[in-house]
N, C-alpha and C. Protein backbone atom coordinates (compact mmCIF):
# COMPACT_ATOMS: atom_id res chain seq x y z
N UNK A 1 4.24 9.97 6.09
CA UNK A 1 3.96 9.33 4.82
C UNK A 1 2.75 9.98 4.16
N UNK A 2 2.69 9.84 2.88
CA UNK A 2 1.57 10.41 2.14
C UNK A 2 0.40 9.44 2.16
N UNK A 3 -0.77 10.00 1.93
CA UNK A 3 -1.98 9.18 1.93
C UNK A 3 -2.21 8.66 0.51
N UNK A 4 -2.58 7.42 0.40
CA UNK A 4 -2.79 6.80 -0.91
C UNK A 4 -4.28 6.51 -1.06
N UNK A 5 -4.84 6.87 -2.24
CA UNK A 5 -6.27 6.69 -2.51
C UNK A 5 -6.45 5.86 -3.77
N UNK A 6 -7.39 4.92 -3.76
CA UNK A 6 -7.67 4.13 -4.97
C UNK A 6 -8.65 4.86 -5.89
N UNK A 7 -8.62 4.51 -7.15
CA UNK A 7 -9.59 5.01 -8.12
C UNK A 7 -10.59 3.91 -8.42
N UNK A 8 -11.86 4.27 -8.47
CA UNK A 8 -12.91 3.34 -8.86
C UNK A 8 -13.70 3.99 -9.98
N UNK A 9 -14.42 3.17 -10.73
CA UNK A 9 -15.16 3.66 -11.89
C UNK A 9 -16.66 3.55 -11.64
N UNK A 10 -17.37 4.61 -11.98
CA UNK A 10 -18.81 4.60 -11.91
C UNK A 10 -19.37 3.83 -13.11
N UNK A 11 -20.65 3.57 -13.11
CA UNK A 11 -21.27 2.86 -14.23
C UNK A 11 -21.20 3.67 -15.52
N UNK A 12 -21.13 4.99 -15.39
CA UNK A 12 -21.03 5.85 -16.57
C UNK A 12 -19.61 5.89 -17.13
N UNK A 13 -18.66 5.31 -16.42
CA UNK A 13 -17.28 5.28 -16.90
C UNK A 13 -16.40 6.35 -16.28
N UNK A 14 -16.99 7.21 -15.47
CA UNK A 14 -16.21 8.26 -14.83
C UNK A 14 -15.44 7.70 -13.64
N UNK A 15 -14.30 8.31 -13.35
CA UNK A 15 -13.49 7.89 -12.21
C UNK A 15 -13.82 8.73 -10.99
N UNK A 16 -13.64 8.13 -9.83
CA UNK A 16 -13.75 8.86 -8.57
C UNK A 16 -12.85 8.19 -7.56
N UNK A 17 -12.59 8.87 -6.45
CA UNK A 17 -11.78 8.28 -5.39
C UNK A 17 -12.62 7.25 -4.65
N UNK A 18 -12.03 6.12 -4.38
CA UNK A 18 -12.74 5.05 -3.70
C UNK A 18 -12.50 5.05 -2.21
N UNK A 19 -13.19 4.16 -1.53
CA UNK A 19 -13.07 4.05 -0.08
C UNK A 19 -11.80 3.29 0.31
N UNK A 20 -11.41 2.31 -0.49
CA UNK A 20 -10.22 1.53 -0.19
C UNK A 20 -9.88 0.59 -1.33
N UNK A 21 -8.73 -0.05 -1.22
CA UNK A 21 -8.28 -0.99 -2.23
C UNK A 21 -8.93 -2.35 -2.01
N UNK A 22 -9.11 -3.10 -3.10
CA UNK A 22 -9.70 -4.43 -3.00
C UNK A 22 -8.63 -5.44 -2.61
N UNK A 23 -9.06 -6.61 -2.17
CA UNK A 23 -8.13 -7.67 -1.79
C UNK A 23 -7.29 -8.13 -2.98
N UNK A 24 -7.93 -8.19 -4.15
CA UNK A 24 -7.21 -8.64 -5.35
C UNK A 24 -6.11 -7.65 -5.73
N UNK A 25 -6.36 -6.38 -5.57
CA UNK A 25 -5.34 -5.37 -5.86
C UNK A 25 -4.17 -5.49 -4.90
N UNK A 26 -4.47 -5.74 -3.64
CA UNK A 26 -3.41 -5.92 -2.65
C UNK A 26 -2.57 -7.16 -2.97
N UNK A 27 -3.26 -8.25 -3.33
CA UNK A 27 -2.57 -9.50 -3.64
C UNK A 27 -1.67 -9.34 -4.87
N UNK A 28 -2.17 -8.64 -5.88
CA UNK A 28 -1.41 -8.44 -7.11
C UNK A 28 -0.18 -7.55 -6.86
N UNK A 29 -0.28 -6.65 -5.89
CA UNK A 29 0.84 -5.77 -5.55
C UNK A 29 1.82 -6.46 -4.60
N UNK A 30 1.49 -7.67 -4.14
CA UNK A 30 2.38 -8.41 -3.25
C UNK A 30 2.27 -7.95 -1.81
N UNK A 31 1.06 -7.67 -1.37
CA UNK A 31 0.84 -7.14 -0.04
C UNK A 31 -0.28 -7.92 0.64
N UNK A 32 -0.08 -8.24 1.91
CA UNK A 32 -1.12 -8.92 2.68
C UNK A 32 -2.01 -7.89 3.37
N UNK A 33 -3.21 -8.30 3.75
CA UNK A 33 -4.18 -7.40 4.35
C UNK A 33 -3.65 -6.83 5.67
N UNK A 34 -3.07 -7.67 6.51
CA UNK A 34 -2.57 -7.20 7.81
C UNK A 34 -1.42 -6.22 7.64
N UNK A 35 -0.55 -6.48 6.67
CA UNK A 35 0.58 -5.58 6.41
C UNK A 35 0.06 -4.23 5.89
N UNK A 36 -0.99 -4.28 5.06
CA UNK A 36 -1.57 -3.04 4.53
C UNK A 36 -2.18 -2.22 5.65
N UNK A 37 -2.83 -2.87 6.59
CA UNK A 37 -3.42 -2.15 7.71
C UNK A 37 -2.34 -1.50 8.57
N UNK A 38 -1.19 -2.17 8.74
CA UNK A 38 -0.09 -1.58 9.51
C UNK A 38 0.48 -0.36 8.82
N UNK A 39 0.48 -0.38 7.48
CA UNK A 39 0.98 0.75 6.71
C UNK A 39 -0.08 1.84 6.52
N UNK A 40 -1.26 1.64 7.11
CA UNK A 40 -2.39 2.57 7.05
C UNK A 40 -2.89 2.77 5.62
N UNK A 41 -2.94 1.67 4.87
CA UNK A 41 -3.51 1.69 3.52
C UNK A 41 -4.98 1.30 3.66
N UNK A 42 -5.90 2.11 3.11
CA UNK A 42 -7.32 1.80 3.25
C UNK A 42 -7.71 0.56 2.43
N UNK A 43 -8.58 -0.26 3.01
CA UNK A 43 -9.04 -1.49 2.36
C UNK A 43 -10.56 -1.49 2.35
N UNK A 44 -11.13 -1.81 1.21
CA UNK A 44 -12.57 -1.95 1.08
C UNK A 44 -12.86 -3.42 0.82
N UNK A 45 -13.34 -4.13 1.82
CA UNK A 45 -13.56 -5.57 1.72
C UNK A 45 -14.73 -5.92 0.81
N UNK A 46 -15.60 -4.95 0.51
CA UNK A 46 -16.75 -5.23 -0.36
C UNK A 46 -16.38 -5.19 -1.83
N UNK A 47 -15.32 -4.47 -2.17
CA UNK A 47 -14.92 -4.36 -3.58
C UNK A 47 -14.32 -5.66 -4.08
N UNK A 48 -14.64 -6.02 -5.32
CA UNK A 48 -14.10 -7.24 -5.92
C UNK A 48 -13.38 -6.95 -7.24
N UNK A 49 -13.34 -5.69 -7.62
CA UNK A 49 -12.74 -5.34 -8.90
C UNK A 49 -11.23 -5.23 -8.78
N UNK A 50 -10.57 -5.34 -9.92
CA UNK A 50 -9.12 -5.24 -9.98
C UNK A 50 -8.77 -4.24 -11.07
N UNK A 51 -8.18 -3.11 -10.67
CA UNK A 51 -7.77 -2.08 -11.62
C UNK A 51 -6.26 -1.98 -11.59
N UNK A 52 -5.64 -2.06 -12.75
CA UNK A 52 -4.17 -2.02 -12.85
C UNK A 52 -3.61 -0.69 -12.36
N UNK A 53 -4.38 0.40 -12.52
CA UNK A 53 -3.91 1.70 -12.04
C UNK A 53 -3.69 1.67 -10.53
N UNK A 54 -4.61 1.00 -9.82
CA UNK A 54 -4.48 0.90 -8.37
C UNK A 54 -3.32 0.02 -7.95
N UNK A 55 -3.06 -1.03 -8.71
CA UNK A 55 -1.93 -1.91 -8.41
C UNK A 55 -0.62 -1.14 -8.58
N UNK A 56 -0.52 -0.33 -9.65
CA UNK A 56 0.68 0.47 -9.86
C UNK A 56 0.83 1.52 -8.77
N UNK A 57 -0.28 2.09 -8.30
CA UNK A 57 -0.24 3.06 -7.21
C UNK A 57 0.30 2.41 -5.94
N UNK A 58 -0.16 1.20 -5.64
CA UNK A 58 0.30 0.49 -4.45
C UNK A 58 1.79 0.16 -4.54
N UNK A 59 2.24 -0.29 -5.70
CA UNK A 59 3.65 -0.63 -5.87
C UNK A 59 4.53 0.60 -5.70
N UNK A 60 4.11 1.72 -6.23
CA UNK A 60 4.85 2.96 -6.06
C UNK A 60 4.88 3.40 -4.61
N UNK A 61 3.77 3.24 -3.91
CA UNK A 61 3.69 3.60 -2.50
C UNK A 61 4.63 2.73 -1.67
N UNK A 62 4.69 1.44 -1.98
CA UNK A 62 5.57 0.54 -1.24
C UNK A 62 7.04 0.87 -1.46
N UNK A 63 7.40 1.25 -2.69
CA UNK A 63 8.78 1.64 -2.96
C UNK A 63 9.16 2.88 -2.18
N UNK A 64 8.26 3.86 -2.12
CA UNK A 64 8.53 5.08 -1.35
C UNK A 64 8.60 4.79 0.14
N UNK A 65 7.78 3.87 0.62
CA UNK A 65 7.78 3.52 2.04
C UNK A 65 9.11 2.87 2.43
N UNK A 66 9.66 2.04 1.53
CA UNK A 66 10.94 1.39 1.81
C UNK A 66 12.07 2.42 1.84
N UNK A 67 12.00 3.43 0.97
CA UNK A 67 13.04 4.45 0.93
C UNK A 67 13.01 5.32 2.18
N UNK A 68 11.81 5.56 2.72
CA UNK A 68 11.67 6.42 3.89
C UNK A 68 12.12 5.75 5.18
N UNK A 69 12.13 4.42 5.21
CA UNK A 69 12.55 3.72 6.42
C UNK A 69 14.03 3.97 6.66
N UNK A 70 14.35 4.28 7.88
CA UNK A 70 15.74 4.51 8.23
C UNK A 70 16.43 3.18 8.45
N UNK A 71 17.67 3.05 7.98
CA UNK A 71 18.40 1.81 8.24
C UNK A 71 18.75 1.70 9.71
N UNK A 72 18.81 0.47 10.18
CA UNK A 72 19.14 0.22 11.58
C UNK A 72 20.59 0.57 11.81
N UNK A 73 20.84 1.41 12.81
CA UNK A 73 22.21 1.78 13.11
C UNK A 73 22.80 0.80 14.13
N UNK A 74 24.05 0.51 13.95
CA UNK A 74 24.72 -0.39 14.88
C UNK A 74 25.12 0.39 16.11
N UNK A 75 24.90 -0.21 17.26
CA UNK A 75 25.29 0.46 18.50
C UNK A 75 26.81 0.32 18.69
N UNK A 76 27.40 1.43 19.02
CA UNK A 76 28.83 1.41 19.26
C UNK A 76 29.04 1.21 20.76
N UNK A 77 29.69 0.16 21.07
CA UNK A 77 29.93 -0.14 22.49
C UNK A 77 31.18 -0.99 22.63
N UNK A 78 31.51 -1.25 23.84
CA UNK A 78 32.69 -2.08 24.09
C UNK A 78 32.36 -3.53 23.87
N UNK A 79 33.22 -4.21 23.17
CA UNK A 79 32.99 -5.62 22.96
C UNK A 79 33.71 -6.41 24.05
N UNK A 80 33.10 -7.49 24.43
CA UNK A 80 33.67 -8.33 25.48
C UNK A 80 34.54 -9.40 24.83
N UNK A 81 35.85 -9.20 24.88
CA UNK A 81 36.73 -10.22 24.35
C UNK A 81 37.98 -10.35 25.17
């Protein structure tokens, strides 16, 4: 899987890569903290800001993660009947 990075804004208005996504961004994207950690999404618990760009990034990442998952194959075996 690809690595996902959040964008944060400096006081001057410039963007830079952040340490992790905030809880509010995760909640808005429909993701719990434990699920995000399993998917190896970085979380910054100190951040309290909510940026729509980061929410859209998370939603896109989740869609790609679902596509990459392989469907469960049914085992072919003898049935007992």
